[in-house]
Amino acid sequence: MCEDDHGIGRRTLFVTGASAALTLGSVSFASGADAADGSGTPTSGAETRTVSGTLPTGSPDFVYLPVEVPRGVREIRVAYRYERPTVPAGTAGNALDIGLFDERGTELGGEGFRGWSGGARTEFFIRADDATPGYTPGVIKSGTWYIALGPYTVAPQGLSYEVTITLTYGDQDKTPAPKYPPSRAKGRGRAWYRGDCHLHSWHSDGRRTPAEIAALARAAGLDFINTSEHNTHSSHPHWADQAGDDLLIMLGEEVTTRNGHVLALGTDPGTFVDWRYRARDNRFARFARQIHRAGGLVVPAHPHATCIGCGWKFGFGEADAVEVWNGPYTPDDEVSLAEWDNTLVASVRSGSRSWLPAMGNSDAHRDPDPVGTPQTVVLADDLTREAIQEGLRAGRSYVAESKLVSVSFTASGARGEHAGIGGRLKVDKESPVTVRLEATGAPGCTIRFVTDQGVLFTSAPLPVSGSGTVEWSTTASYAAYVRAELRHEATAAPLPGALAAFTNPIFLGK
């Protein structure tokens, strides 16, 4: 074992895209082992190097540790640890993420990415035939590999770390050909389909296997799910066995930047989207375009969450939808709902016909996080990736807290005009409009109709059966749009009760 010091003084500074990153001194391995062939290339055995250092506060977002990998390596194994000193109340302590890039380098959006586990694991390995969840198997070629360290937060005392790299020599096995889930399930033709598009397995910081998540999705009454691991696509080949006629599994990623998280929803299999940039770097639009080229939707996630780095700072110009409700309903979601409603008001005020649909997802990681709480219910022509995405993009959807809650929301005019969720009722400004909502599975909940003028109607609580129908009359001159909410009884006045469901809007007027 070799000990080395990689403190902040031994470094070079380089630029990846628009962001500065720190590169430490290289870690080298001997060009021979106990057993070697005539060329000096090791044929068996293992070598280990341990390096340590300290990162001060104000360190770059990413610190790269180059590792010179010789020929003949069968497996790369990395373990790390770091100190977590006590810090004053209100001060961030140490948090250090980790990942790996191969000999193709660390260029932003390049091909060198081999995996990321963030802070979820203390060690990982890569071989041609297998890899730790979060990492992709593949041939190990000689050259300069890079261990990527992400000092998410650094304590005032600094962040002292230790990284141990072990190379095992020998022949490499074949890399298995990936098998992906189909982009179509049986479906029911044009119908309402329930889905959860924000889920984490053990391929990032979740604790459930894909099989466990699929079983929970079926139990929650879901028709489709979308995989969304933090900053890795490694899970994509591991979902094929979980798909079936009754469950469409779309593939994606949660792109977790330091200035907010975004779901790459339903991308082509094997698509990796880079996350190593901030809003000030002006790089997000490039990767939003990549998501679209890969057939995916761009969906900012929990935009007003209070966790470090979670607040959305990239704007919504490239977004196809926004995750308004994330997991069990909290004040964060109430803020997201209000801010989303403001975007609807801005849209009608500007005269634009474009608007940003809302959705809701569980963001479930581990027990007891419920899968499918909430779930987005979308009207789609069939149970296919493309049809579900088209319904989400058009806003033909509502969000419900569980499979028990269903709504039917329509608007009609005096001459037989009719529109549903996400649509437009084309009537004259003063022509009477009847808004109607039918609800089931929401005992004791009140129904609210929300417009660009605010909440204009609130019903009496639904009976214990949880079913009821309400109607409200208005005009397009009084309400440019109407959307519906089902609310539980308020428990912390003056805040309204938690949502049981809410719909995307119906727009009124020609």
Protein backbone atom coordinates (compact mmCIF):
# COMPACT_ATOMS: atom_id res chain seq x y z
CA MET A 1 0.00 0.00 0.00
CA CYS A 2 1.24 3.47 -0.84
CA GLU A 3 0.32 6.60 1.06
CA ASP A 4 0.28 10.00 -0.64
CA ASP A 5 -0.98 13.46 0.22
CA HIS A 6 -3.25 15.29 -2.18
CA GLY A 7 -3.89 18.51 -0.31
CA ILE A 8 -5.17 21.69 -1.85
CA GLY A 9 -1.65 22.89 -2.62
CA ARG A 10 -0.96 20.14 -5.15
CA ARG A 11 -3.33 21.03 -7.90
CA THR A 12 -3.95 22.52 -11.25
CA LEU A 13 -7.07 24.46 -12.14
CA PHE A 14 -8.87 23.77 -15.37
CA VAL A 15 -12.20 24.68 -16.91
CA THR A 16 -14.98 22.22 -17.79
CA GLY A 17 -17.52 24.13 -19.85
CA ALA A 18 -17.90 27.35 -17.90
CA SER A 19 -17.20 25.89 -14.43
CA ALA A 20 -13.85 25.80 -12.68
CA ALA A 21 -12.83 22.40 -11.31
CA LEU A 22 -9.86 21.20 -9.33
CA THR A 23 -7.49 18.49 -10.60
CA LEU A 24 -5.18 16.84 -8.08
CA GLY A 25 -1.86 15.14 -8.73
CA SER A 26 -2.00 11.76 -10.47
CA VAL A 27 -2.02 8.41 -8.70
CA SER A 28 0.34 5.96 -10.42
CA PHE A 29 0.59 2.19 -10.17
CA ALA A 30 3.67 0.05 -10.76
CA SER A 31 3.96 -1.37 -14.26
CA GLY A 32 4.40 -4.88 -12.87
CA ALA A 33 2.98 -7.22 -10.28
CA ASP A 34 4.19 -10.46 -8.77
CA ALA A 35 3.15 -12.25 -11.96
CA ALA A 36 3.77 -10.57 -15.31
CA ASP A 37 4.08 -11.60 -18.91
CA GLY A 38 7.04 -10.81 -21.11
CA SER A 39 5.81 -7.28 -21.81
CA GLY A 40 5.81 -6.34 -18.14
CA THR A 41 2.01 -6.23 -18.05
CA PRO A 42 0.63 -7.76 -14.83
CA THR A 43 -1.45 -10.90 -15.37
CA SER A 44 -2.74 -11.42 -11.83
CA GLY A 45 -2.71 -9.96 -8.34
CA ALA A 46 -3.77 -6.55 -7.10
CA GLU A 47 -2.24 -3.21 -6.21
CA THR A 48 -3.61 -0.61 -3.81
CA ARG A 49 -2.91 3.09 -3.35
CA THR A 50 -4.34 5.34 -0.65
CA VAL A 51 -4.30 9.10 -0.98
CA SER A 52 -5.53 11.76 1.41
CA GLY A 53 -5.95 15.50 1.56
CA THR A 54 -8.04 18.36 2.84
CA LEU A 55 -10.39 20.62 0.91
CA PRO A 56 -11.04 24.08 2.35
CA THR A 57 -14.32 25.97 2.33
CA GLY A 58 -14.87 27.59 -1.04
CA SER A 59 -13.62 24.54 -2.95
CA PRO A 60 -14.85 24.04 -6.53
CA ASP A 61 -17.94 21.92 -7.07
CA PHE A 62 -15.85 19.04 -8.47
CA VAL A 63 -12.39 17.79 -7.63
CA TYR A 64 -10.81 15.22 -9.94
CA LEU A 65 -8.27 12.66 -8.79
CA PRO A 66 -6.44 11.23 -11.86
CA VAL A 67 -5.53 7.56 -11.70
CA GLU A 68 -3.06 6.10 -14.19
CA VAL A 69 -4.53 2.71 -15.08
CA PRO A 70 -2.03 0.34 -16.75
CA ARG A 71 -2.81 -2.46 -19.17
CA GLY A 72 -4.19 -5.73 -17.90
CA VAL A 73 -6.57 -4.36 -15.24
CA ARG A 74 -9.62 -6.54 -14.64
CA GLU A 75 -11.33 -4.52 -11.89
CA ILE A 76 -11.18 -1.02 -10.41
CA ARG A 77 -12.35 -0.71 -6.82
CA VAL A 78 -12.60 2.59 -4.95
CA ALA A 79 -13.34 3.22 -1.28
CA TYR A 80 -13.38 6.56 0.51
CA ARG A 81 -14.08 8.20 3.81
CA TYR A 82 -14.01 11.75 5.13
CA GLU A 83 -14.17 13.54 8.44
CA ARG A 84 -17.43 14.95 9.75
CA PRO A 85 -16.47 17.42 12.48
CA THR A 86 -19.05 19.06 14.71
CA VAL A 87 -20.21 22.44 13.39
CA PRO A 88 -22.21 25.27 14.98
CA ALA A 89 -25.99 25.20 14.67
CA GLY A 90 -27.10 26.53 11.31
CA THR A 91 -23.73 25.80 9.66
CA ALA A 92 -23.39 23.14 6.97
CA GLY A 93 -21.17 20.20 7.82
CA ASN A 94 -19.10 18.08 5.45
CA ALA A 95 -20.76 16.13 2.63
CA LEU A 96 -18.61 14.57 -0.10
CA ASP A 97 -20.02 12.87 -3.20
CA ILE A 98 -18.09 10.50 -5.46
CA GLY A 99 -18.14 9.13 -9.01
CA LEU A 100 -15.87 7.89 -11.80
CA PHE A 101 -14.84 8.82 -15.35
CA ASP A 102 -12.77 6.61 -17.61
CA GLU A 103 -9.86 7.27 -19.97
CA ARG A 104 -12.10 9.28 -22.30
CA GLY A 105 -11.95 12.13 -19.81
CA THR A 106 -14.19 14.46 -17.80
CA GLU A 107 -15.35 16.81 -20.55
CA LEU A 108 -18.80 18.21 -19.84
CA GLY A 109 -21.29 16.04 -21.73
CA GLY A 110 -18.48 13.77 -22.95
CA GLU A 111 -18.33 10.00 -23.16
CA GLY A 112 -16.10 9.34 -20.17
CA PHE A 113 -18.81 9.02 -17.52
CA ARG A 114 -18.84 5.62 -15.80
CA GLY A 115 -20.97 6.21 -12.74
CA TRP A 116 -21.99 8.29 -9.76
CA SER A 117 -23.14 7.30 -6.29
CA GLY A 118 -23.17 10.75 -4.72
CA GLY A 119 -22.97 10.26 -0.98
CA ALA A 120 -24.96 7.01 -0.95
CA ARG A 121 -21.99 4.61 -0.89
CA THR A 122 -18.52 4.45 0.64
CA GLU A 123 -17.11 2.12 -2.03
CA PHE A 124 -17.78 0.84 -5.53
CA PHE A 125 -16.23 -1.34 -8.24
CA ILE A 126 -16.29 -1.58 -12.02
CA ARG A 127 -15.51 -4.60 -14.20
CA ALA A 128 -16.30 -5.44 -17.80
CA ASP A 129 -19.08 -7.80 -16.74
CA ASP A 130 -20.47 -6.08 -13.63
CA ALA A 131 -20.46 -2.91 -11.56
CA THR A 132 -21.84 -1.50 -8.32
CA PRO A 133 -25.36 -0.05 -8.78
CA GLY A 134 -24.91 3.52 -9.97
CA TYR A 135 -22.00 2.54 -12.22
CA THR A 136 -21.89 1.01 -15.70
CA PRO A 137 -19.95 -2.15 -16.53
CA GLY A 138 -17.62 -2.07 -19.52
CA VAL A 139 -14.12 -2.84 -20.72
CA ILE A 140 -11.38 -1.30 -18.58
CA LYS A 141 -8.87 0.33 -20.92
CA SER A 142 -5.49 1.70 -19.96
CA GLY A 143 -5.07 5.43 -19.59
CA THR A 144 -5.90 8.21 -17.16
CA TRP A 145 -9.13 7.60 -15.26
CA TYR A 146 -10.64 10.16 -12.91
CA ILE A 147 -12.25 9.73 -9.53
CA ALA A 148 -14.69 12.63 -9.22
CA LEU A 149 -15.15 14.08 -5.76
CA GLY A 150 -18.05 16.45 -5.18
CA PRO A 151 -17.65 18.55 -2.00
CA TYR A 152 -21.35 19.31 -1.67
CA THR A 153 -20.84 21.23 1.55
CA VAL A 154 -17.61 21.93 3.46
CA ALA A 155 -17.39 22.61 7.20
CA PRO A 156 -15.43 25.63 8.46
CA GLN A 157 -12.68 23.23 9.59
CA GLY A 158 -12.25 21.93 6.04
CA LEU A 159 -13.01 18.55 4.54
CA SER A 160 -10.33 15.92 5.16
CA TYR A 161 -10.72 12.84 2.97
CA GLU A 162 -9.03 9.55 2.20
CA VAL A 163 -9.45 7.60 -1.05
CA THR A 164 -8.25 4.01 -1.55
CA ILE A 165 -7.91 2.64 -5.09
CA THR A 166 -7.36 -1.05 -5.76
CA LEU A 167 -6.58 -2.41 -9.22
CA THR A 168 -7.00 -6.14 -9.78
CA TYR A 169 -5.22 -7.68 -12.76
CA GLY A 170 -6.40 -10.50 -15.00
CA ASP A 171 -8.45 -11.31 -18.06
CA GLN A 172 -11.66 -9.38 -18.53
CA ASP A 173 -15.02 -11.08 -19.03
CA LYS A 174 -17.49 -10.06 -21.72
CA THR A 175 -19.79 -7.10 -21.12
CA PRO A 176 -23.42 -8.25 -21.28
CA ALA A 177 -25.57 -6.69 -23.98
CA PRO A 178 -28.12 -4.36 -22.33
CA LYS A 179 -31.79 -5.24 -22.46
CA TYR A 180 -34.31 -2.47 -21.95
CA PRO A 181 -38.03 -2.44 -21.13
CA PRO A 182 -40.39 -2.00 -24.10
CA SER A 183 -41.84 1.43 -24.84
CA ARG A 184 -45.36 0.03 -25.00
CA ALA A 185 -47.66 -1.82 -22.59
CA LYS A 186 -51.04 -3.35 -23.34
CA GLY A 187 -53.14 -0.36 -22.33
CA ARG A 188 -56.84 0.32 -22.83
CA GLY A 189 -56.74 2.62 -25.84
CA ARG A 190 -57.60 6.24 -25.09
CA ALA A 191 -58.01 6.27 -21.31
CA TRP A 192 -56.81 7.79 -18.06
CA TYR A 193 -53.53 6.23 -16.96
CA ARG A 194 -51.89 6.62 -13.54
CA GLY A 195 -48.17 7.10 -13.14
CA ASP A 196 -45.28 8.07 -10.86
CA CYS A 197 -42.33 9.59 -12.70
CA HIS A 198 -39.91 10.33 -9.83
CA LEU A 199 -38.53 7.22 -8.13
CA HIS A 200 -35.15 6.16 -6.74
CA SER A 201 -33.73 2.65 -6.51
CA TRP A 202 -30.42 1.40 -5.12
CA HIS A 203 -28.83 2.69 -8.33
CA SER A 204 -28.67 6.10 -6.62
CA ASP A 205 -29.62 6.97 -3.05
CA GLY A 206 -32.68 4.74 -2.82
CA ARG A 207 -32.77 1.48 -0.90
CA ARG A 208 -35.21 -0.51 -3.02
CA THR A 209 -34.44 -2.79 -5.93
CA PRO A 210 -36.19 -2.32 -9.28
CA ALA A 211 -38.25 -5.43 -8.51
CA GLU A 212 -39.43 -4.00 -5.21
CA ILE A 213 -40.36 -0.68 -6.82
CA ALA A 214 -42.28 -2.39 -9.63
CA ALA A 215 -44.25 -4.44 -7.10
CA LEU A 216 -45.11 -1.32 -5.10
CA ALA A 217 -46.12 0.51 -8.30
CA ARG A 218 -48.56 -2.24 -9.18
CA ALA A 219 -49.97 -2.24 -5.66
CA ALA A 220 -50.46 1.55 -5.92
CA GLY A 221 -52.60 1.08 -9.03
CA LEU A 222 -50.04 2.61 -11.39
CA ASP A 223 -49.99 2.01 -15.12
CA PHE A 224 -46.59 3.61 -15.76
CA ILE A 225 -43.45 4.73 -13.95
CA ASN A 226 -40.30 6.60 -14.92
CA THR A 227 -36.85 5.79 -13.51
CA SER A 228 -35.03 8.85 -12.17
CA GLU A 229 -31.72 8.08 -10.49
CA HIS A 230 -29.51 10.98 -9.43
CA ASN A 231 -26.95 11.73 -12.17
CA THR A 232 -26.67 8.23 -13.57
CA HIS A 233 -28.33 6.05 -16.17
CA SER A 234 -26.91 2.81 -14.78
CA SER A 235 -30.33 1.39 -13.88
CA HIS A 236 -31.67 1.43 -17.46
CA PRO A 237 -30.77 -2.21 -18.32
CA HIS A 238 -32.11 -3.48 -14.99
CA TRP A 239 -35.80 -2.72 -15.54
CA ALA A 240 -36.64 -4.96 -18.48
CA ASP A 241 -37.66 -7.91 -16.30
CA GLN A 242 -40.05 -5.71 -14.30
CA ALA A 243 -42.11 -4.39 -17.21
CA GLY A 244 -45.25 -6.15 -18.37
CA ASP A 245 -48.57 -5.74 -20.12
CA ASP A 246 -49.84 -4.01 -16.97
CA LEU A 247 -46.89 -1.67 -16.33
CA LEU A 248 -45.06 0.65 -18.71
CA ILE A 249 -41.56 1.48 -17.47
CA MET A 250 -40.01 4.61 -18.97
CA LEU A 251 -36.33 5.41 -18.51
CA GLY A 252 -34.84 8.69 -17.38
CA GLU A 253 -32.64 10.48 -14.85
CA GLU A 254 -32.90 13.08 -12.13
CA VAL A 255 -30.29 15.63 -13.20
CA THR A 256 -29.18 16.93 -9.81
CA THR A 257 -27.29 20.20 -10.22
CA ARG A 258 -26.23 22.60 -7.47
CA ASN A 259 -28.99 25.00 -8.57
CA GLY A 260 -31.94 22.66 -8.81
CA HIS A 261 -33.06 19.23 -9.97
CA VAL A 262 -34.74 18.31 -13.25
CA LEU A 263 -36.36 15.08 -14.41
CA ALA A 264 -35.30 13.80 -17.80
CA LEU A 265 -38.57 11.95 -18.31
CA GLY A 266 -38.81 9.08 -20.78
CA THR A 267 -35.49 9.43 -22.60
CA ASP A 268 -34.09 6.86 -25.01
CA PRO A 269 -32.47 3.88 -23.27
CA GLY A 270 -28.86 4.50 -22.28
CA THR A 271 -29.15 8.31 -22.29
CA PHE A 272 -26.91 10.06 -19.76
CA VAL A 273 -27.43 13.76 -19.03
CA ASP A 274 -24.59 15.69 -17.39
CA TRP A 275 -25.25 17.70 -14.23
CA ARG A 276 -21.96 19.52 -13.59
CA TYR A 277 -23.01 23.16 -14.06
CA ARG A 278 -24.78 25.97 -12.27
CA ALA A 279 -27.32 28.50 -13.53
CA ARG A 280 -24.63 31.14 -13.99
CA ASP A 281 -22.75 28.85 -16.42
CA ASN A 282 -25.47 29.12 -19.10
CA ARG A 283 -25.25 25.40 -19.86
CA PHE A 284 -28.72 24.16 -18.94
CA ALA A 285 -30.31 24.92 -22.32
CA ARG A 286 -27.73 22.69 -23.99
CA PHE A 287 -28.68 19.72 -21.85
CA ALA A 288 -32.40 20.45 -22.09
CA ARG A 289 -31.95 20.15 -25.85
CA GLN A 290 -30.16 16.84 -25.33
CA ILE A 291 -33.12 15.54 -23.31
CA HIS A 292 -35.50 16.55 -26.10
CA ARG A 293 -33.28 14.97 -28.78
CA ALA A 294 -33.36 11.75 -26.74
CA GLY A 295 -37.17 11.80 -26.83
CA GLY A 296 -37.61 12.95 -23.23
CA LEU A 297 -39.47 15.66 -21.37
CA VAL A 298 -37.80 18.36 -19.27
CA VAL A 299 -39.55 18.57 -15.88
CA PRO A 300 -38.07 20.71 -13.07
CA ALA A 301 -38.54 18.78 -9.81
CA HIS A 302 -39.64 20.13 -6.40
CA PRO A 303 -38.66 23.68 -7.46
CA HIS A 304 -39.18 25.22 -4.03
CA ALA A 305 -37.74 22.46 -1.84
CA THR A 306 -35.54 23.80 0.94
CA CYS A 307 -32.73 21.21 0.79
CA ILE A 308 -29.29 22.53 -0.21
CA GLY A 309 -29.07 22.86 -4.00
CA CYS A 310 -32.74 21.94 -4.54
CA GLY A 311 -34.19 25.37 -5.32
CA TRP A 312 -34.79 25.75 -9.07
CA LYS A 313 -32.79 28.65 -10.57
CA PHE A 314 -32.72 27.87 -14.31
CA GLY A 315 -36.10 29.30 -15.27
CA PHE A 316 -38.84 27.44 -17.12
CA GLY A 317 -38.18 28.41 -20.72
CA GLU A 318 -37.05 24.90 -21.70
CA ALA A 319 -39.50 23.02 -19.46
CA ASP A 320 -42.31 20.78 -20.75
CA ALA A 321 -44.00 20.50 -17.34
CA VAL A 322 -43.18 21.18 -13.70
CA GLU A 323 -43.39 18.92 -10.66
CA VAL A 324 -45.67 20.89 -8.36
CA TRP A 325 -46.44 18.17 -5.80
CA ASN A 326 -43.53 16.03 -4.53
CA GLY A 327 -44.21 13.26 -2.00
CA PRO A 328 -46.50 13.73 1.01
CA TYR A 329 -47.98 17.23 0.82
CA THR A 330 -45.94 19.91 2.64
CA PRO A 331 -45.69 23.73 2.71
CA ASP A 332 -43.00 23.45 -0.01
CA ASP A 333 -45.64 22.04 -2.30
CA GLU A 334 -48.06 24.81 -1.37
CA VAL A 335 -45.46 27.35 -2.48
CA SER A 336 -44.83 25.42 -5.71
CA LEU A 337 -48.56 25.30 -6.42
CA ALA A 338 -48.92 29.06 -5.92
CA GLU A 339 -45.90 29.84 -8.09
CA TRP A 340 -47.16 27.52 -10.82
CA ASP A 341 -50.52 29.28 -10.72
CA ASN A 342 -48.66 32.55 -11.21
CA THR A 343 -47.21 31.18 -14.46
CA LEU A 344 -50.76 30.51 -15.66
CA VAL A 345 -51.77 34.08 -14.84
CA ALA A 346 -48.72 35.41 -16.67
CA SER A 347 -49.61 33.30 -19.68
CA VAL A 348 -53.15 34.64 -20.02
CA ARG A 349 -52.02 38.19 -19.23
CA SER A 350 -49.53 38.08 -22.11
CA GLY A 351 -52.06 36.57 -24.49
CA SER A 352 -49.88 33.52 -25.00
CA ARG A 353 -51.49 30.19 -25.80
CA SER A 354 -48.49 28.33 -24.34
CA TRP A 355 -48.51 27.38 -20.67
CA LEU A 356 -46.68 25.05 -18.30
CA PRO A 357 -48.56 21.93 -17.20
CA ALA A 358 -48.16 20.60 -13.65
CA MET A 359 -47.59 17.08 -12.42
CA GLY A 360 -46.97 15.26 -9.13
CA ASN A 361 -44.70 12.36 -8.15
CA SER A 362 -43.69 10.48 -5.02
CA ASP A 363 -39.87 10.91 -5.08
CA ALA A 364 -39.89 7.66 -3.07
CA HIS A 365 -36.49 6.40 -1.89
CA ARG A 366 -36.97 3.76 0.79
CA ASP A 367 -39.40 2.37 3.33
CA PRO A 368 -41.72 3.86 4.46
CA ASP A 369 -41.84 6.23 1.43
CA PRO A 370 -45.05 5.32 -0.46
CA VAL A 371 -44.79 4.81 -4.20
CA GLY A 372 -47.62 6.56 -6.03
CA THR A 373 -48.20 9.28 -3.42
CA PRO A 374 -48.98 11.41 -5.27
CA GLN A 375 -49.56 10.15 -8.81
CA THR A 376 -50.24 11.89 -12.08
CA VAL A 377 -53.33 10.71 -13.96
CA VAL A 378 -53.00 11.44 -17.67
CA LEU A 379 -55.42 11.10 -20.57
CA ALA A 380 -53.42 9.34 -23.30
CA ASP A 381 -54.28 7.64 -26.55
CA ASP A 382 -52.54 4.46 -25.42
CA LEU A 383 -50.12 3.13 -22.83
CA THR A 384 -46.93 3.97 -24.72
CA ARG A 385 -44.03 6.25 -23.94
CA GLU A 386 -44.95 8.68 -26.70
CA ALA A 387 -48.67 8.80 -25.84
CA ILE A 388 -48.06 9.35 -22.12
CA GLN A 389 -45.53 12.09 -22.86
CA GLU A 390 -47.91 13.78 -25.30
CA GLY A 391 -50.66 13.79 -22.67
CA LEU A 392 -48.32 15.24 -20.04
CA ARG A 393 -47.01 17.90 -22.44
CA ALA A 394 -50.58 18.90 -23.34
CA GLY A 395 -51.62 19.11 -19.68
CA ARG A 396 -54.36 16.52 -20.05
CA SER A 397 -53.77 15.37 -16.51
CA TYR A 398 -54.53 15.76 -12.85
CA VAL A 399 -52.66 14.80 -9.69
CA ALA A 400 -54.17 12.58 -6.98
CA GLU A 401 -52.85 11.45 -3.62
CA SER A 402 -53.62 7.78 -4.33
CA LYS A 403 -55.43 5.34 -6.59
CA LEU A 404 -58.54 5.87 -4.47
CA VAL A 405 -59.03 9.45 -5.66
CA SER A 406 -60.51 10.17 -9.10
CA VAL A 407 -61.91 13.32 -10.64
CA SER A 408 -63.76 14.26 -13.81
CA PHE A 409 -63.47 17.96 -14.62
CA THR A 410 -65.18 19.66 -17.57
CA ALA A 411 -66.45 23.00 -18.80
CA SER A 412 -69.38 23.48 -21.17
CA GLY A 413 -70.99 26.36 -23.00
CA ALA A 414 -74.59 27.27 -23.72
CA ARG A 415 -74.36 26.04 -27.32
CA GLY A 416 -72.95 22.62 -26.52
CA GLU A 417 -69.32 23.61 -26.49
CA HIS A 418 -67.24 21.27 -24.33
CA ALA A 419 -63.66 21.11 -22.99
CA GLY A 420 -61.78 18.90 -20.57
CA ILE A 421 -58.60 19.21 -18.51
CA GLY A 422 -55.82 20.91 -20.46
CA GLY A 423 -58.24 22.09 -23.14
CA ARG A 424 -59.84 25.37 -24.17
CA LEU A 425 -63.56 26.11 -24.16
CA LYS A 426 -64.06 28.40 -27.16
CA VAL A 427 -66.89 30.71 -26.14
CA ASP A 428 -67.59 34.43 -26.30
CA LYS A 429 -66.45 36.41 -23.27
CA GLU A 430 -69.94 36.95 -21.86
CA SER A 431 -71.39 33.60 -22.84
CA PRO A 432 -72.36 31.50 -19.79
CA VAL A 433 -70.04 28.65 -18.86
CA THR A 434 -70.80 25.73 -16.54
CA VAL A 435 -67.85 24.16 -14.76
CA ARG A 436 -68.47 20.67 -13.39
CA LEU A 437 -66.38 18.41 -11.19
CA GLU A 438 -67.17 14.86 -10.15
CA ALA A 439 -65.02 13.40 -7.37
CA THR A 440 -64.66 9.99 -5.77
CA GLY A 441 -62.47 8.70 -2.97
CA ALA A 442 -62.18 12.01 -1.08
CA PRO A 443 -64.36 11.88 2.07
CA GLY A 444 -64.58 15.17 3.94
CA CYS A 445 -62.69 17.08 1.27
CA THR A 446 -63.83 20.42 -0.11
CA ILE A 447 -63.75 21.29 -3.79
CA ARG A 448 -62.28 24.61 -4.85
CA PHE A 449 -62.35 26.25 -8.27
CA VAL A 450 -59.31 28.47 -8.81
CA THR A 451 -59.06 31.05 -11.60
CA ASP A 452 -56.71 33.84 -12.64
CA GLN A 453 -58.67 35.92 -10.11
CA GLY A 454 -58.00 33.45 -7.29
CA VAL A 455 -60.30 31.02 -5.49
CA LEU A 456 -63.85 31.84 -6.62
CA PHE A 457 -65.77 28.83 -5.39
CA THR A 458 -65.50 26.45 -2.41
CA SER A 459 -67.94 23.60 -1.83
CA ALA A 460 -69.21 22.06 1.36
CA PRO A 461 -67.25 18.98 2.52
CA LEU A 462 -67.93 15.80 0.59
CA PRO A 463 -69.88 13.12 2.45
CA VAL A 464 -68.24 10.11 4.10
CA SER A 465 -68.70 8.18 0.88
CA GLY A 466 -66.10 10.49 -0.64
CA SER A 467 -68.16 11.04 -3.78
CA GLY A 468 -69.88 14.15 -5.00
CA THR A 469 -70.56 16.49 -7.90
CA VAL A 470 -70.46 20.27 -7.93
CA GLU A 471 -71.18 22.84 -10.62
CA TRP A 472 -70.29 26.49 -10.89
CA SER A 473 -71.30 29.13 -13.43
CA THR A 474 -68.99 31.80 -14.80
CA THR A 475 -67.95 33.56 -18.01
CA ALA A 476 -64.69 33.89 -19.92
CA SER A 477 -64.57 37.58 -19.05
CA TYR A 478 -64.66 36.70 -15.34
CA ALA A 479 -62.32 33.71 -15.44
CA ALA A 480 -59.64 33.24 -18.10
CA TYR A 481 -59.08 29.71 -16.82
CA VAL A 482 -60.48 27.42 -14.16
CA ARG A 483 -58.68 24.62 -12.36
CA ALA A 484 -59.97 22.42 -9.54
CA GLU A 485 -58.58 21.40 -6.16
CA LEU A 486 -59.72 18.81 -3.64
CA ARG A 487 -58.57 19.81 -0.17
CA HIS A 488 -58.53 17.96 3.12
CA GLU A 489 -59.70 19.77 6.23
CA ALA A 490 -57.32 22.51 7.32
CA THR A 491 -55.20 21.65 10.36
CA ALA A 492 -52.95 24.71 10.58
CA ALA A 493 -54.91 27.87 9.86
CA PRO A 494 -54.61 30.13 7.96
CA LEU A 495 -53.03 27.59 5.59
CA PRO A 496 -55.56 25.61 3.54
CA GLY A 497 -55.84 21.88 4.02
CA ALA A 498 -53.49 19.52 2.21
CA LEU A 499 -54.35 18.56 -1.34
CA ALA A 500 -56.12 15.32 -2.11
CA ALA A 501 -56.06 16.17 -5.83
CA PHE A 502 -55.71 19.07 -8.25
CA THR A 503 -56.17 19.46 -11.99
CA ASN A 504 -54.47 21.29 -14.76
CA PRO A 505 -56.60 24.20 -16.03
CA ILE A 506 -59.34 24.52 -18.59
CA PHE A 507 -58.95 27.81 -20.46
CA LEU A 508 -62.04 29.84 -21.32
CA GLY A 509 -62.48 32.09 -24.34
CA LYS A 510 -61.61 32.10 -28.02
